[in-house]
Amino acid sequence: MASWLKRLRPNFWTTDEEDGHNILNYRRLWGLVVGVMLLVSIVPLGVMSFTDFSLSQKLAEAENRYRMTRLVSNSKRSVTAFLEERQSALDFAVRHLSRRELADPLRIRGLLRDLKNSFGGVYDLGFIDADGIQQAYAGPHELVGRDYSRQDWFKHVVARGVYISPVFKGFREIPHMVVAVKHDDADGSFYILRATLDTSRFNDLLLSIDIGSDSDVFITDTTGVLQTPTRHAGDVLAASGYPVPPYSERTRIMETRSKDGTPVFMGYTYVKGAPFILTLVTDKKAVMDPWWTVRLEMFGFTALSMTVIGIVVLGVATSLVSRVHFADQRRTVAMHRAEHANKMASIGRLAAGVAHEINNPLAVISQKAGLMKDLLTFGSVEGANKEKLIGLTDAVLASVERCGTITHRLLGFARHIDVRLEKLDLEPVIRDVLGFLEKEAEYRGIEVNVDVAGDVMPIESDRGQLQQVFLNIINNAFAAVEDGGRVNIGIAPMTEDHVSVVIQDNGCGIRREHLRQIFEPFFSTKGDKGTGLGLSITYGLVQKLGAEMHVDSTEGEGTAFTLVFPVKR
């Protein structure tokens, strides 16, 4: 993992630690670029996602509320129609049948039979006079003469003309409800027609409603007692466990909790003219599950988008800062090259002056030593001393010749500070360079081999820059090999238009991860001993000469630099 992170780490990451002369703090610049780009890309996306989340949640809740409102309102119409239908039937009977007819047992039993055939669910029917005494009764019980004057339902129907009771058991011991209608006579008296309804038809109204398994629909009275069977709230005539909502003839939706604390949506409406509250309860989590599923998919897409944006931002920021870093390095290299060129020009002028100054005394020494040799050869000196003096004179002349060679080389370098293209044979150029290093090679026992193919064509190039290129590479080869090492230089035609020079050593080699960095400015494998500019400058000179340079290296075995020069520029 660490090696992967090291490979992914950009080149500028360690620059701030290794170099103290950079204009910019590249890590800080990279962090600033990443921060700004993330701020202007991910933050708006996050705000949009949050806004979409809030709006879609409100929209989903509003949609569920609307669906519940429609369902409750439609169910209310069914319940209201059921009650009004029975109430209208009784009202029709008391308006079209006289007191005498309703008091007739046969007539009232016929009326009960007609109501059962028309509507069903009518349990019994009673005729009650103004004193609250039941004068006629049709049903399974003996209730003629029963006094209802003290009961609340009687007082209610007397006061309002119509009464619909909540569901109750009474002495019948089965859940039922009562619908009573009052009729006023012309003489100021009144009578009441009272019907007991079986709740099975009433219950069927809600059982036919299509709701989910996590929902429940039921009717309670105004105290919260269940009037119909339920799925989750309890049995008929038990407490529903939900709070009694405030009065409203229009459908309302509220959020509350069930007996076990589960959050629920509760839609309700009061049934006008009856002591009933129609209630629809839906598990909030179950209702919002489809929305949450879509939201999770959107969250996943948003997270993926943010991840991709983050990766792109990191890549772009790294690329931008790398370009800035590269431009900064090139600027630094250009400054160093200018400084180096200035120094080389000064050295060249100094070398020329030194060479001229040395050449004059060397000429005198050479002339005098030649004269001494002639005198010794043709003069009168005899014996062993003569031979010894001649040998010493030869040694002086050889040293003078060597000094002359060195000064000529210095003059050659000095002359080629200015760029000048000419036809050049590569072998003499390389051997001139090796002349500067022959003493080091001799002292360290380094074997230097120059192998030249027979058909190598001269190239069009600049002698001074070629010498600097070869000197830098051969110097690196000498630094890489141990004492007694070997450096091979091969010159051969590569194609009709190109000549290759391979400089190969059997030194320590270069690590594979460093190969792509060796031509970068200030990168050095020599630690504090190297400036990291030699190969960078060499690479720039090679490109300037229109040539190519490749490196092949195996750690522990050696390195080979291959230079390919065009025959013509």
Protein backbone atom coordinates (compact mmCIF):
# COMPACT_ATOMS: atom_id res chain seq x y z
CA MET A 1 0.00 0.00 0.00
CA ALA A 2 2.82 2.38 0.90
CA SER A 3 4.55 1.69 -2.41
CA TRP A 4 1.34 2.48 -4.32
CA LEU A 5 0.90 5.72 -2.40
CA LYS A 6 4.54 6.57 -3.12
CA ARG A 7 3.95 6.01 -6.84
CA LEU A 8 0.81 8.14 -6.82
CA ARG A 9 2.55 10.95 -4.95
CA PRO A 10 3.34 13.82 -7.34
CA ASN A 11 6.93 14.94 -7.89
CA PHE A 12 6.40 18.31 -6.23
CA TRP A 13 5.23 16.73 -2.94
CA THR A 14 8.74 16.35 -1.50
CA THR A 15 10.17 19.43 -3.19
CA ASP A 16 9.31 21.71 -0.27
CA GLU A 17 11.15 19.38 2.12
CA GLU A 18 14.23 18.84 -0.04
CA ASP A 19 14.72 22.30 -1.51
CA GLY A 20 14.79 25.58 0.30
CA HIS A 21 15.00 27.88 -2.71
CA ASN A 22 11.48 27.45 -4.20
CA ILE A 23 9.34 30.51 -4.73
CA LEU A 24 6.10 28.62 -3.97
CA ASN A 25 4.98 26.19 -1.30
CA TYR A 26 3.59 23.58 -3.67
CA ARG A 27 1.75 21.56 -1.04
CA ARG A 28 -0.06 24.65 0.18
CA LEU A 29 -0.81 25.71 -3.40
CA TRP A 30 -2.14 22.22 -4.17
CA GLY A 31 -4.32 22.27 -1.05
CA LEU A 32 -5.67 25.72 -1.95
CA VAL A 33 -6.51 24.67 -5.52
CA VAL A 34 -8.19 21.47 -4.31
CA GLY A 35 -10.13 23.36 -1.63
CA VAL A 36 -11.39 26.06 -4.00
CA MET A 37 -12.34 23.58 -6.73
CA LEU A 38 -14.16 21.34 -4.26
CA LEU A 39 -15.89 24.39 -2.80
CA VAL A 40 -17.25 25.54 -6.16
CA SER A 41 -18.19 22.04 -7.36
CA ILE A 42 -19.21 19.79 -4.46
CA VAL A 43 -20.81 22.43 -2.20
CA PRO A 44 -23.44 23.48 -4.82
CA LEU A 45 -24.11 19.80 -5.52
CA GLY A 46 -24.56 19.17 -1.79
CA VAL A 47 -26.88 22.18 -1.44
CA MET A 48 -28.92 21.02 -4.44
CA SER A 49 -29.12 17.48 -3.03
CA PHE A 50 -30.25 18.75 0.38
CA THR A 51 -32.82 21.06 -1.22
CA ASP A 52 -34.08 18.23 -3.41
CA PHE A 53 -34.27 15.99 -0.35
CA SER A 54 -36.34 18.50 1.62
CA LEU A 55 -38.67 19.37 -1.26
CA SER A 56 -39.19 15.75 -2.33
CA GLN A 57 -39.89 14.74 1.28
CA LYS A 58 -42.51 17.45 1.61
CA LEU A 59 -43.95 16.48 -1.78
CA ALA A 60 -44.10 12.78 -0.81
CA GLU A 61 -45.80 13.63 2.49
CA ALA A 62 -48.23 15.95 0.70
CA GLU A 63 -49.01 13.23 -1.84
CA ASN A 64 -49.70 10.71 0.94
CA ARG A 65 -51.81 13.24 2.80
CA TYR A 66 -53.82 13.91 -0.36
CA ARG A 67 -54.34 10.18 -0.93
CA MET A 68 -55.44 9.70 2.68
CA THR A 69 -57.74 12.73 2.44
CA ARG A 70 -59.45 11.32 -0.66
CA LEU A 71 -59.80 7.88 0.92
CA VAL A 72 -61.27 9.26 4.16
CA SER A 73 -63.60 11.62 2.30
CA ASN A 74 -64.91 8.84 0.03
CA SER A 75 -65.39 6.53 3.02
CA LYS A 76 -67.23 9.29 4.87
CA ARG A 77 -69.64 9.63 1.96
CA SER A 78 -70.35 5.90 2.11
CA VAL A 79 -71.00 6.00 5.90
CA THR A 80 -73.13 9.14 5.59
CA ALA A 81 -75.15 7.60 2.75
CA PHE A 82 -75.68 4.43 4.82
CA LEU A 83 -77.03 6.40 7.79
CA GLU A 84 -79.06 8.87 5.73
CA GLU A 85 -80.62 6.00 3.78
CA ARG A 86 -81.94 4.36 7.00
CA GLN A 87 -82.92 7.71 8.48
CA SER A 88 -84.81 8.69 5.30
CA ALA A 89 -86.65 5.36 5.26
CA LEU A 90 -87.88 5.90 8.83
CA ASP A 91 -88.73 9.53 8.09
CA PHE A 92 -90.71 8.43 5.03
CA ALA A 93 -92.59 5.89 7.14
CA VAL A 94 -93.61 8.35 9.89
CA ARG A 95 -94.71 10.92 7.33
CA HIS A 96 -96.88 8.58 5.29
CA LEU A 97 -98.24 6.30 7.99
CA SER A 98 -100.67 7.56 10.62
CA ARG A 99 -100.36 7.07 14.38
CA ARG A 100 -103.05 4.37 14.22
CA GLU A 101 -101.27 2.49 11.45
CA LEU A 102 -97.92 2.54 13.28
CA ALA A 103 -99.60 1.41 16.50
CA ASP A 104 -101.07 -1.62 14.69
CA PRO A 105 -98.82 -4.66 15.46
CA LEU A 106 -99.52 -6.23 12.10
CA ARG A 107 -98.75 -3.05 10.23
CA ILE A 108 -95.49 -2.39 12.09
CA ARG A 109 -94.33 -5.99 11.54
CA GLY A 110 -95.02 -5.53 7.83
CA LEU A 111 -93.03 -2.31 7.87
CA LEU A 112 -90.08 -4.13 9.55
CA ARG A 113 -90.24 -6.82 6.89
CA ASP A 114 -90.21 -4.21 4.13
CA LEU A 115 -87.18 -2.46 5.70
CA LYS A 116 -85.29 -5.74 6.01
CA ASN A 117 -86.01 -6.59 2.39
CA SER A 118 -85.00 -3.13 1.18
CA PHE A 119 -81.92 -2.42 3.27
CA GLY A 120 -81.12 -5.42 5.42
CA GLY A 121 -79.55 -5.23 8.86
CA VAL A 122 -82.72 -3.88 10.59
CA TYR A 123 -83.01 -5.85 13.85
CA ASP A 124 -86.33 -4.55 15.27
CA LEU A 125 -88.73 -1.61 15.01
CA GLY A 126 -90.70 0.24 17.71
CA PHE A 127 -93.43 2.88 17.90
CA ILE A 128 -93.13 5.21 20.95
CA ASP A 129 -95.64 7.85 22.00
CA ALA A 130 -94.95 11.29 23.43
CA ASP A 131 -94.76 9.91 26.99
CA GLY A 132 -91.87 7.64 26.02
CA ILE A 133 -93.98 4.43 26.20
CA GLN A 134 -93.42 1.92 23.43
CA GLN A 135 -96.94 1.31 22.07
CA ALA A 136 -96.01 -1.14 19.29
CA TYR A 137 -92.99 -3.35 18.67
CA ALA A 138 -91.83 -5.66 15.89
CA GLY A 139 -88.82 -7.86 16.74
CA PRO A 140 -87.58 -10.86 18.70
CA HIS A 141 -88.17 -9.37 22.18
CA GLU A 142 -91.24 -8.45 24.27
CA LEU A 143 -90.78 -4.69 24.55
CA VAL A 144 -94.35 -3.35 24.26
CA GLY A 145 -95.04 -0.97 27.14
CA ARG A 146 -91.35 -0.31 27.83
CA ASP A 147 -90.75 3.21 29.18
CA TYR A 148 -87.95 5.20 27.50
CA SER A 149 -88.86 8.62 28.82
CA ARG A 150 -85.88 8.82 31.17
CA GLN A 151 -83.27 7.67 28.62
CA ASP A 152 -80.93 10.13 26.96
CA TRP A 153 -81.72 9.02 23.45
CA PHE A 154 -85.42 9.82 23.98
CA LYS A 155 -84.61 13.30 25.28
CA HIS A 156 -82.25 13.86 22.35
CA VAL A 157 -84.77 12.87 19.67
CA VAL A 158 -87.47 14.97 21.34
CA ALA A 159 -85.18 17.98 21.27
CA ARG A 160 -83.72 17.54 17.78
CA GLY A 161 -86.15 15.34 15.88
CA VAL A 162 -83.52 12.75 14.83
CA TYR A 163 -81.21 10.52 16.84
CA ILE A 164 -78.43 8.18 15.78
CA SER A 165 -76.81 6.35 18.68
CA PRO A 166 -73.25 5.10 19.08
CA VAL A 167 -72.76 1.34 18.93
CA PHE A 168 -73.64 -0.35 22.24
CA LYS A 169 -74.70 -3.77 23.55
CA GLY A 170 -77.56 -3.05 25.94
CA PHE A 171 -79.69 -5.96 27.17
CA ARG A 172 -79.41 -7.61 23.76
CA GLU A 173 -75.67 -8.37 24.48
CA ILE A 174 -74.70 -7.83 20.86
CA PRO A 175 -73.25 -4.62 19.34
CA HIS A 176 -76.00 -2.60 17.72
CA MET A 177 -77.06 0.96 17.07
CA VAL A 178 -80.32 2.88 17.13
CA VAL A 179 -81.86 5.31 14.64
CA ALA A 180 -84.93 7.22 15.86
CA VAL A 181 -87.11 9.76 14.01
CA LYS A 182 -89.73 12.08 15.60
CA HIS A 183 -92.98 13.13 13.86
CA ASP A 184 -95.03 16.11 15.06
CA ASP A 185 -98.85 15.97 14.84
CA ALA A 186 -101.01 18.95 14.05
CA ASP A 187 -102.42 18.99 17.58
CA GLY A 188 -98.94 19.53 19.07
CA SER A 189 -98.31 15.96 20.15
CA PHE A 190 -95.66 13.72 18.59
CA TYR A 191 -94.56 10.13 18.27
CA ILE A 192 -91.27 8.40 17.48
CA LEU A 193 -90.35 5.54 15.19
CA ARG A 194 -87.22 3.76 16.48
CA ALA A 195 -85.17 1.13 14.58
CA THR A 196 -82.37 -1.05 15.92
CA LEU A 197 -79.68 -1.75 13.30
CA ASP A 198 -77.38 -4.72 13.14
CA THR A 199 -73.77 -3.40 12.77
CA SER A 200 -72.65 -6.09 10.29
CA ARG A 201 -73.71 -3.98 7.29
CA PHE A 202 -72.18 -0.96 8.98
CA ASN A 203 -68.88 -2.81 9.42
CA ASP A 204 -68.88 -4.00 5.82
CA LEU A 205 -68.64 -0.39 4.66
CA LEU A 206 -65.03 -0.16 5.97
CA LEU A 207 -63.94 -3.71 5.29
CA SER A 208 -64.40 -3.13 1.56
CA ILE A 209 -61.90 -0.23 1.53
CA ASP A 210 -58.61 -1.15 -0.11
CA ILE A 211 -55.77 -0.15 2.23
CA GLY A 212 -52.28 -1.51 2.83
CA SER A 213 -51.36 -4.11 5.44
CA ASP A 214 -49.74 -1.42 7.61
CA SER A 215 -52.87 0.76 7.59
CA ASP A 216 -56.11 0.62 9.56
CA VAL A 217 -59.54 2.22 9.05
CA PHE A 218 -62.22 2.32 11.72
CA ILE A 219 -64.95 4.42 13.33
CA THR A 220 -64.92 5.66 16.92
CA ASP A 221 -67.41 7.65 18.90
CA THR A 222 -66.58 11.09 20.21
CA THR A 223 -64.92 9.59 23.31
CA GLY A 224 -62.52 7.35 21.33
CA VAL A 225 -64.43 4.05 21.78
CA LEU A 226 -64.24 1.76 18.75
CA GLN A 227 -67.51 1.34 16.81
CA THR A 228 -66.21 -1.08 14.15
CA PRO A 229 -63.68 -3.93 14.03
CA THR A 230 -60.03 -2.96 13.42
CA ARG A 231 -56.82 -4.64 12.30
CA HIS A 232 -54.47 -3.25 14.92
CA ALA A 233 -56.34 -0.89 17.28
CA GLY A 234 -58.53 -3.39 19.20
CA ASP A 235 -62.03 -4.87 19.38
CA VAL A 236 -65.42 -3.17 19.06
CA LEU A 237 -66.34 -1.06 22.13
CA ALA A 238 -62.69 -1.00 23.29
CA ALA A 239 -60.61 2.15 23.52
CA SER A 240 -58.81 2.87 20.24
CA GLY A 241 -55.54 3.95 21.86
CA TYR A 242 -55.33 7.04 19.66
CA PRO A 243 -56.06 10.59 20.84
CA VAL A 244 -59.50 12.01 20.06
CA PRO A 245 -58.85 14.62 17.33
CA PRO A 246 -60.40 18.10 17.40
CA TYR A 247 -63.79 18.53 15.75
CA SER A 248 -63.79 19.01 11.98
CA GLU A 249 -66.44 18.17 9.41
CA ARG A 250 -63.71 18.40 6.73
CA THR A 251 -61.06 15.71 6.43
CA ARG A 252 -57.88 16.51 8.36
CA ILE A 253 -54.49 14.76 8.52
CA MET A 254 -52.39 14.82 11.66
CA GLU A 255 -49.23 13.09 12.86
CA THR A 256 -49.41 11.15 16.10
CA ARG A 257 -48.21 7.89 17.65
CA SER A 258 -49.82 4.50 18.17
CA LYS A 259 -50.03 2.71 21.53
CA ASP A 260 -46.54 1.21 21.00
CA GLY A 261 -45.04 4.59 20.09
CA THR A 262 -44.88 4.08 16.31
CA PRO A 263 -45.17 7.36 14.35
CA VAL A 264 -48.36 7.35 12.22
CA PHE A 265 -50.35 9.57 9.91
CA MET A 266 -53.97 9.81 11.12
CA GLY A 267 -56.66 11.02 8.73
CA TYR A 268 -60.06 11.71 10.28
CA THR A 269 -63.40 13.41 9.79
CA TYR A 270 -66.51 13.80 11.95
CA VAL A 271 -69.71 12.35 10.48
CA LYS A 272 -72.32 15.09 10.48
CA GLY A 273 -75.49 14.25 12.42
CA ALA A 274 -73.95 11.16 14.04
CA PRO A 275 -71.61 10.59 17.03
CA PHE A 276 -68.95 9.04 14.81
CA ILE A 277 -65.36 9.86 13.83
CA LEU A 278 -64.12 8.08 10.72
CA THR A 279 -60.37 7.43 11.14
CA LEU A 280 -57.66 6.14 8.79
CA VAL A 281 -54.30 5.34 10.38
CA THR A 282 -51.15 4.64 8.31
CA ASP A 283 -47.68 3.74 9.51
CA LYS A 284 -45.51 6.73 8.59
CA LYS A 285 -42.45 4.58 7.93
CA ALA A 286 -44.35 2.22 5.62
CA VAL A 287 -45.85 5.16 3.72
CA MET A 288 -42.46 6.82 3.29
CA ASP A 289 -40.53 3.61 2.46
CA PRO A 290 -40.86 3.99 -1.35
CA TRP A 291 -39.66 7.56 -1.07
CA TRP A 292 -36.73 6.48 1.13
CA THR A 293 -35.80 3.80 -1.42
CA VAL A 294 -35.61 6.41 -4.18
CA ARG A 295 -33.75 8.77 -1.83
CA LEU A 296 -31.14 6.12 -1.02
CA GLU A 297 -30.57 5.57 -4.73
CA MET A 298 -30.23 9.32 -5.19
CA PHE A 299 -27.86 9.53 -2.22
CA GLY A 300 -25.76 6.75 -3.78
CA PHE A 301 -25.70 8.58 -7.12
CA THR A 302 -24.84 11.86 -5.39
CA ALA A 303 -22.06 10.19 -3.39
CA LEU A 304 -20.70 8.58 -6.57
CA SER A 305 -20.88 11.94 -8.34
CA MET A 306 -19.05 13.65 -5.48
CA THR A 307 -16.41 10.90 -5.52
CA VAL A 308 -15.89 11.31 -9.27
CA ILE A 309 -15.75 15.09 -8.89
CA GLY A 310 -13.25 14.69 -6.04
CA ILE A 311 -11.05 12.40 -8.14
CA VAL A 312 -11.22 14.79 -11.12
CA VAL A 313 -10.48 17.77 -8.86
CA LEU A 314 -7.48 15.97 -7.35
CA GLY A 315 -6.24 15.04 -10.82
CA VAL A 316 -6.72 18.53 -12.26
CA ALA A 317 -5.19 20.22 -9.21
CA THR A 318 -2.22 17.86 -9.27
CA SER A 319 -1.75 18.48 -13.00
CA LEU A 320 -1.96 22.27 -12.60
CA VAL A 321 0.45 22.40 -9.66
CA SER A 322 2.78 19.97 -11.45
CA ARG A 323 2.83 22.36 -14.41
CA VAL A 324 3.56 25.28 -12.11
CA HIS A 325 6.26 23.22 -10.42
CA PHE A 326 7.73 22.25 -13.79
CA ALA A 327 7.68 25.88 -14.98
CA ASP A 328 9.37 26.95 -11.73
CA GLN A 329 12.01 24.25 -12.18
CA ARG A 330 12.59 25.30 -15.78
CA ARG A 331 12.96 28.88 -14.65
CA THR A 332 15.50 27.78 -12.04
CA VAL A 333 17.31 25.62 -14.59
CA ALA A 334 17.38 28.50 -17.05
CA MET A 335 18.92 30.72 -14.39
CA HIS A 336 21.49 28.05 -13.55
CA ARG A 337 22.24 27.48 -17.21
CA ALA A 338 22.74 31.19 -17.75
CA GLU A 339 24.99 31.28 -14.71
CA HIS A 340 26.78 28.14 -15.94
CA ALA A 341 27.21 29.58 -19.44
CA ASN A 342 28.63 32.78 -17.95
CA LYS A 343 31.05 30.78 -15.83
CA MET A 344 32.03 28.62 -18.79
CA ALA A 345 32.67 31.72 -20.87
CA SER A 346 34.83 33.15 -18.10
CA ILE A 347 36.65 29.82 -17.73
CA GLY A 348 37.09 29.67 -21.50
CA ARG A 349 38.61 33.15 -21.59
CA LEU A 350 40.75 32.32 -18.58
CA ALA A 351 41.85 29.03 -20.18
CA ALA A 352 42.77 30.83 -23.38
CA GLY A 353 44.80 33.37 -21.45
CA VAL A 354 46.48 30.68 -19.37
CA ALA A 355 47.22 28.60 -22.47
CA HIS A 356 48.79 31.60 -24.23
CA GLU A 357 50.81 32.53 -21.14
CA ILE A 358 52.04 28.93 -20.71
CA ASN A 359 52.79 28.44 -24.43
CA ASN A 360 55.39 31.23 -24.48
CA PRO A 361 57.67 29.85 -21.71
CA LEU A 362 57.06 26.35 -23.00
CA ALA A 363 58.39 27.43 -26.41
CA VAL A 364 61.49 28.86 -24.79
CA ILE A 365 61.98 25.69 -22.67
CA SER A 366 61.48 23.54 -25.77
CA GLN A 367 63.98 25.62 -27.78
CA LYS A 368 66.62 25.61 -25.07
CA ALA A 369 66.12 21.89 -24.31
CA GLY A 370 66.52 21.13 -28.07
CA LEU A 371 69.70 23.17 -28.16
CA MET A 372 71.03 21.34 -25.11
CA LYS A 373 70.29 18.01 -26.76
CA ASP A 374 72.07 19.07 -29.97
CA LEU A 375 75.10 20.21 -28.01
CA LEU A 376 75.15 16.97 -26.09
CA THR A 377 74.70 14.91 -29.20
CA PHE A 378 77.22 16.67 -31.39
CA GLY A 379 79.42 18.19 -28.70
CA SER A 380 82.42 16.94 -26.80
CA VAL A 381 80.66 15.45 -23.74
CA GLU A 382 81.50 11.75 -23.47
CA GLY A 383 80.66 8.70 -21.34
CA ALA A 384 77.73 7.83 -19.09
CA ASN A 385 76.99 11.42 -18.19
CA LYS A 386 76.29 12.16 -21.80
CA GLU A 387 73.67 9.44 -22.04
CA LYS A 388 72.12 10.51 -18.75
CA LEU A 389 71.91 14.15 -19.82
CA ILE A 390 70.34 13.17 -23.14
CA GLY A 391 67.70 11.10 -21.28
CA LEU A 392 66.87 13.98 -18.96
CA THR A 393 66.62 16.30 -21.95
CA ASP A 394 64.19 13.87 -23.64
CA ALA A 395 62.07 13.80 -20.49
CA VAL A 396 61.94 17.61 -20.47
CA LEU A 397 60.92 17.66 -24.13
CA ALA A 398 58.19 15.00 -23.52
CA SER A 399 56.76 17.02 -20.62
CA VAL A 400 56.81 20.15 -22.76
CA GLU A 401 54.94 18.26 -25.49
CA ARG A 402 52.33 17.07 -22.95
CA CYS A 403 51.88 20.60 -21.62
CA GLY A 404 51.43 21.77 -25.19
CA THR A 405 48.73 19.16 -25.77
CA ILE A 406 46.85 20.26 -22.64
CA THR A 407 47.02 23.92 -23.58
CA HIS A 408 45.79 23.12 -27.08
CA ARG A 409 42.79 21.31 -25.57
CA LEU A 410 42.05 24.27 -23.31
CA LEU A 411 42.23 26.54 -26.32
CA GLY A 412 39.90 24.16 -28.18
CA PHE A 413 37.30 24.38 -25.41
CA ALA A 414 37.69 28.12 -25.23
CA ARG A 415 37.19 28.51 -28.98
CA HIS A 416 33.93 26.50 -28.88
CA ILE A 417 32.07 28.46 -26.21
CA ASP A 418 30.13 30.13 -29.04
CA VAL A 419 27.82 27.78 -30.98
CA ARG A 420 29.07 26.91 -34.45
CA LEU A 421 27.82 24.05 -36.64
CA GLU A 422 30.41 22.05 -38.54
CA LYS A 423 31.07 18.58 -39.92
CA LEU A 424 32.52 16.49 -37.11
CA ASP A 425 33.82 12.96 -36.66
CA LEU A 426 32.58 11.69 -33.33
CA GLU A 427 35.66 9.60 -32.50
CA PRO A 428 38.15 12.54 -32.28
CA VAL A 429 35.63 14.54 -30.22
CA ILE A 430 35.21 11.67 -27.75
CA ARG A 431 38.96 11.03 -27.56
CA ASP A 432 39.55 14.75 -26.85
CA VAL A 433 37.14 14.46 -23.93
CA LEU A 434 38.81 11.26 -22.72
CA GLY A 435 42.13 13.13 -22.77
CA PHE A 436 40.92 15.19 -19.80
CA LEU A 437 40.03 12.03 -17.87
CA GLU A 438 42.95 9.77 -18.76
CA LYS A 439 44.88 10.55 -15.57
CA GLU A 440 41.85 9.68 -13.39
CA ALA A 441 41.32 6.49 -15.40
CA GLU A 442 44.99 5.61 -15.02
CA TYR A 443 45.01 6.40 -11.29
CA ARG A 444 41.81 4.38 -10.53
CA GLY A 445 42.56 1.58 -12.97
CA ILE A 446 39.40 2.19 -15.01
CA GLU A 447 39.42 0.43 -18.38
CA VAL A 448 38.09 2.68 -21.17
CA ASN A 449 37.32 1.09 -24.55
CA VAL A 450 36.27 3.02 -27.66
CA ASP A 451 34.82 0.84 -30.41
CA VAL A 452 34.14 2.59 -33.73
CA ALA A 453 32.39 0.91 -36.67
CA GLY A 454 34.03 1.29 -40.05
CA ASP A 455 31.25 3.13 -41.88
CA VAL A 456 30.40 5.90 -39.42
CA MET A 457 29.56 9.14 -41.21
CA PRO A 458 30.49 12.55 -39.83
CA ILE A 459 27.59 14.53 -38.32
CA GLU A 460 26.65 18.18 -38.48
CA SER A 461 26.82 19.57 -34.92
CA ASP A 462 28.56 21.94 -32.50
CA ARG A 463 31.90 20.73 -31.14
CA GLY A 464 31.72 22.56 -27.80
CA GLN A 465 28.23 21.32 -26.91
CA LEU A 466 29.12 17.77 -28.00
CA GLN A 467 32.19 17.86 -25.77
CA GLN A 468 30.10 19.06 -22.83
CA VAL A 469 27.50 16.29 -23.42
CA PHE A 470 30.13 13.54 -23.60
CA LEU A 471 32.12 14.98 -20.68
CA ASN A 472 29.03 15.00 -18.40
CA ILE A 473 27.97 11.44 -19.30
CA ILE A 474 31.49 9.96 -19.08
CA ASN A 475 32.05 11.80 -15.79
CA ASN A 476 28.86 10.16 -14.44
CA ALA A 477 30.09 6.77 -15.67
CA PHE A 478 33.42 7.28 -13.86
CA ALA A 479 31.52 8.26 -10.69
CA ALA A 480 29.33 5.12 -10.92
CA VAL A 481 32.10 2.51 -11.35
CA GLU A 482 34.37 1.22 -8.65
CA ASP A 483 38.17 1.38 -9.01
CA GLY A 484 39.16 -1.15 -11.67
CA GLY A 485 35.79 -0.77 -13.40
CA ARG A 486 35.07 -0.61 -17.10
CA VAL A 487 33.55 1.99 -19.44
CA ASN A 488 32.76 1.00 -23.04
CA ILE A 489 32.00 3.59 -25.72
CA GLY A 490 30.56 2.39 -29.02
CA ILE A 491 30.05 4.49 -32.15
CA ALA A 492 28.01 2.99 -34.98
CA PRO A 493 25.60 4.01 -37.75
CA MET A 494 21.99 3.45 -36.73
CA THR A 495 20.23 4.30 -40.01
CA GLU A 496 21.29 6.12 -43.15
CA ASP A 497 20.57 9.43 -41.45
CA HIS A 498 21.48 8.73 -37.83
CA VAL A 499 24.54 7.74 -35.81
CA SER A 500 24.38 6.24 -32.34
CA VAL A 501 26.82 6.56 -29.45
CA VAL A 502 26.45 4.10 -26.55
CA ILE A 503 28.30 4.88 -23.30
CA GLN A 504 28.06 1.83 -21.02
CA ASP A 505 29.54 1.22 -17.57
CA ASN A 506 29.52 -1.70 -15.14
CA GLY A 507 28.83 0.49 -12.11
CA CYS A 508 26.13 0.48 -9.42
CA GLY A 509 23.23 1.13 -11.80
CA ILE A 510 20.09 3.21 -11.22
CA ARG A 511 16.98 2.09 -9.31
CA ARG A 512 13.95 1.50 -11.51
CA GLU A 513 11.77 4.07 -9.71
CA HIS A 514 14.47 6.74 -10.28
CA LEU A 515 14.81 6.19 -14.04
CA ARG A 516 11.91 8.50 -14.94
CA GLN A 517 13.33 11.29 -12.74
CA ILE A 518 17.05 11.37 -13.62
CA PHE A 519 16.59 14.10 -16.26
CA GLU A 520 14.58 16.34 -13.91
CA PRO A 521 16.32 19.41 -12.48
CA PHE A 522 17.83 19.01 -9.00
CA PHE A 523 17.19 15.26 -8.89
CA SER A 524 20.39 13.50 -7.84
CA THR A 525 21.22 9.97 -6.70
CA LYS A 526 24.52 11.22 -5.21
CA GLY A 527 22.98 12.88 -2.17
CA ASP A 528 24.77 16.03 -1.01
CA LYS A 529 27.61 15.39 -3.47
CA GLY A 530 25.52 16.20 -6.55
CA THR A 531 23.64 19.31 -7.69
CA GLY A 532 21.11 17.40 -9.79
CA LEU A 533 21.79 19.65 -12.80
CA GLY A 534 24.34 17.64 -14.81
CA LEU A 535 22.01 15.25 -16.60
CA SER A 536 19.26 17.90 -16.81
CA ILE A 537 21.62 20.27 -18.64
CA THR A 538 22.95 17.40 -20.75
CA TYR A 539 19.39 16.39 -21.71
CA GLY A 540 18.66 19.98 -22.71
CA LEU A 541 21.84 20.17 -24.82
CA VAL A 542 20.98 16.85 -26.53
CA GLN A 543 17.54 18.16 -27.46
CA LYS A 544 19.10 21.44 -28.60
CA LEU A 545 21.38 19.47 -30.93
CA GLY A 546 18.36 17.71 -32.44
CA ALA A 547 19.42 14.37 -30.95
CA GLU A 548 17.75 11.83 -28.68
CA MET A 549 18.99 10.27 -25.44
CA HIS A 550 17.77 7.07 -23.75
CA VAL A 551 18.95 5.34 -20.61
CA ASP A 552 18.90 1.65 -19.74
CA SER A 553 19.98 0.53 -16.30
CA THR A 554 19.92 -2.49 -14.01
CA GLU A 555 20.66 -1.91 -10.36
CA GLY A 556 23.95 -3.60 -9.41
CA GLU A 557 24.93 -4.33 -13.03
CA GLY A 558 25.46 -0.99 -14.74
CA THR A 559 23.97 1.73 -16.93
CA ALA A 560 23.98 2.43 -20.67
CA PHE A 561 23.28 5.87 -22.17
CA THR A 562 22.35 5.78 -25.87
CA LEU A 563 22.59 9.00 -27.88
CA VAL A 564 21.19 9.14 -31.42
CA PHE A 565 22.51 12.04 -33.55
CA PRO A 566 21.14 13.12 -36.94
CA VAL A 567 23.74 13.23 -39.69
CA LYS A 568 22.30 16.53 -40.89
CA ARG A 569 20.49 19.19 -38.81
